[in-house]
Amino acid sequence: MTATAIHPTGLSYAQASLVQAPQKWLFISGQVPTDEAGATPSGFEAQCRLVWRNVERQLAAAGMGLADLVKVTIFLADRRDRAANTAIRREVLGGVSPALTVIITGIFDEAWLLEIEAVAAA
């Protein structure tokens, strides 16, 4: 399988992601900022890092990693968190450039400041 970033931006996302001959697909439900004990940390940065860890945990359970991400959708509760979201996403993804959409919206639980869903292929 090959995944090719189409018009990568240099900001850890691409305008599109071309996937050719995948062996498997993984569709990750929205991951929220709760740990295995059900606790939610306070503050956007702690929540964002936890959500990315939750995404990574789902990838690992399928024998995949961040490099297999082809599409990510991030739901933010507050547009003021855009800069922190971008910085943490760039830190977590490094050179990985999946297609990306960021949506400002209400989140199911008012304590949650973001949610991330994703698609991976390998």
Protein backbone atom coordinates (compact mmCIF):
# COMPACT_ATOMS: atom_id res chain seq x y z
CA MET A 1 0.00 0.00 0.00
CA THR A 2 1.16 3.49 -0.70
CA ALA A 3 -0.35 6.70 0.59
CA THR A 4 0.78 9.85 -1.14
CA ALA A 5 0.20 13.33 0.24
CA ILE A 6 -1.16 15.54 -2.53
CA HIS A 7 -0.04 19.15 -2.17
CA PRO A 8 1.35 18.83 1.38
CA THR A 9 1.27 22.14 3.21
CA GLY A 10 4.25 21.67 5.50
CA LEU A 11 1.85 22.08 8.45
CA SER A 12 1.31 18.32 9.03
CA TYR A 13 -1.54 18.01 6.57
CA ALA A 14 -2.08 17.75 2.83
CA GLN A 15 -4.83 18.96 0.51
CA ALA A 16 -5.56 15.32 -0.33
CA SER A 17 -4.29 11.82 0.33
CA LEU A 18 -4.04 9.24 -2.46
CA VAL A 19 -4.21 5.63 -1.24
CA GLN A 20 -3.24 2.85 -3.62
CA ALA A 21 -3.71 -0.88 -3.02
CA PRO A 22 -4.36 -0.91 0.74
CA GLN A 23 -4.50 -4.24 2.57
CA LYS A 24 -6.67 -2.81 5.34
CA TRP A 25 -8.63 0.28 6.32
CA LEU A 26 -9.26 1.53 9.85
CA PHE A 27 -12.07 3.98 10.61
CA ILE A 28 -11.52 5.52 14.04
CA SER A 29 -14.56 6.86 15.87
CA GLY A 30 -14.28 10.28 17.45
CA GLN A 31 -11.69 10.05 20.21
CA VAL A 32 -12.39 12.24 23.22
CA PRO A 33 -10.20 13.57 26.05
CA THR A 34 -10.91 10.87 28.61
CA ASP A 35 -8.37 8.38 29.88
CA GLU A 36 -8.96 4.69 30.55
CA ALA A 37 -10.31 5.54 34.01
CA GLY A 38 -12.81 8.02 32.51
CA ALA A 39 -10.98 11.12 33.76
CA THR A 40 -10.80 14.29 31.66
CA PRO A 41 -7.85 16.64 32.24
CA SER A 42 -8.40 20.38 32.39
CA GLY A 43 -6.97 22.69 29.76
CA PHE A 44 -6.80 22.37 26.01
CA GLU A 45 -3.18 21.23 25.66
CA ALA A 46 -3.58 18.32 28.10
CA GLN A 47 -6.83 17.28 26.45
CA CYS A 48 -5.36 17.51 22.95
CA ARG A 49 -2.35 15.37 23.84
CA LEU A 50 -4.63 12.79 25.46
CA VAL A 51 -6.91 12.64 22.42
CA TRP A 52 -3.90 12.03 20.15
CA ARG A 53 -2.75 9.25 22.52
CA ASN A 54 -6.23 7.75 22.24
CA VAL A 55 -5.99 7.90 18.43
CA GLU A 56 -2.58 6.22 18.59
CA ARG A 57 -3.99 3.53 20.87
CA GLN A 58 -6.67 2.68 18.30
CA LEU A 59 -4.07 2.58 15.53
CA ALA A 60 -1.81 0.30 17.57
CA ALA A 61 -4.69 -2.07 18.29
CA ALA A 62 -5.01 -2.55 14.52
CA GLY A 63 -1.25 -2.97 14.03
CA MET A 64 -0.95 0.52 12.55
CA GLY A 65 0.68 3.82 13.44
CA LEU A 66 0.44 7.55 12.79
CA ALA A 67 2.15 7.14 9.41
CA ASP A 68 -0.93 5.19 8.25
CA LEU A 69 -3.33 8.11 8.78
CA VAL A 70 -4.89 9.29 5.52
CA LYS A 71 -7.72 11.52 6.83
CA VAL A 72 -8.17 13.35 10.14
CA THR A 73 -11.13 15.43 11.27
CA ILE A 74 -10.67 17.58 14.37
CA PHE A 75 -13.66 19.10 16.13
CA LEU A 76 -12.81 22.10 18.32
CA ALA A 77 -15.21 23.57 20.88
CA ASP A 78 -13.52 27.00 20.70
CA ARG A 79 -11.77 28.64 17.76
CA ARG A 80 -9.33 30.27 20.21
CA ASP A 81 -7.68 26.83 20.51
CA ARG A 82 -6.69 26.76 16.81
CA ALA A 83 -3.05 27.73 17.36
CA ALA A 84 -2.49 25.24 20.19
CA ASN A 85 -4.24 22.55 18.16
CA THR A 86 -1.99 23.20 15.15
CA ALA A 87 1.18 23.20 17.27
CA ILE A 88 0.34 19.94 19.02
CA ARG A 89 -0.82 18.28 15.79
CA ARG A 90 2.47 19.23 14.11
CA GLU A 91 4.43 17.92 17.10
CA VAL A 92 2.52 14.62 17.16
CA LEU A 93 2.40 14.00 13.41
CA GLY A 94 5.84 15.33 12.52
CA GLY A 95 6.28 14.58 8.81
CA VAL A 96 2.96 12.73 8.44
CA SER A 97 0.57 14.70 6.22
CA PRO A 98 -2.95 13.23 6.10
CA ALA A 99 -5.87 15.09 4.57
CA LEU A 100 -7.32 17.30 7.32
CA THR A 101 -10.50 19.11 8.25
CA VAL A 102 -10.91 21.24 11.39
CA ILE A 103 -14.46 22.10 12.44
CA ILE A 104 -15.51 24.54 15.16
CA THR A 105 -18.62 23.08 16.80
CA GLY A 106 -20.35 22.14 20.00
CA ILE A 107 -18.93 18.96 21.54
CA PHE A 108 -21.11 16.24 23.14
CA ASP A 109 -19.76 16.80 26.68
CA GLU A 110 -19.16 20.42 27.70
CA ALA A 111 -15.96 19.38 29.55
CA TRP A 112 -14.42 18.14 26.30
CA LEU A 113 -12.61 20.82 24.31
CA LEU A 114 -12.01 18.69 21.21
CA GLU A 115 -12.67 15.38 19.51
CA ILE A 116 -10.67 13.71 16.72
CA GLU A 117 -11.84 11.08 14.24
CA ALA A 118 -9.57 9.53 11.65
CA VAL A 119 -9.16 7.08 8.79
CA ALA A 120 -6.00 5.01 8.31
CA ALA A 121 -4.92 2.65 5.55
CA ALA A 122 -2.09 0.16 5.35
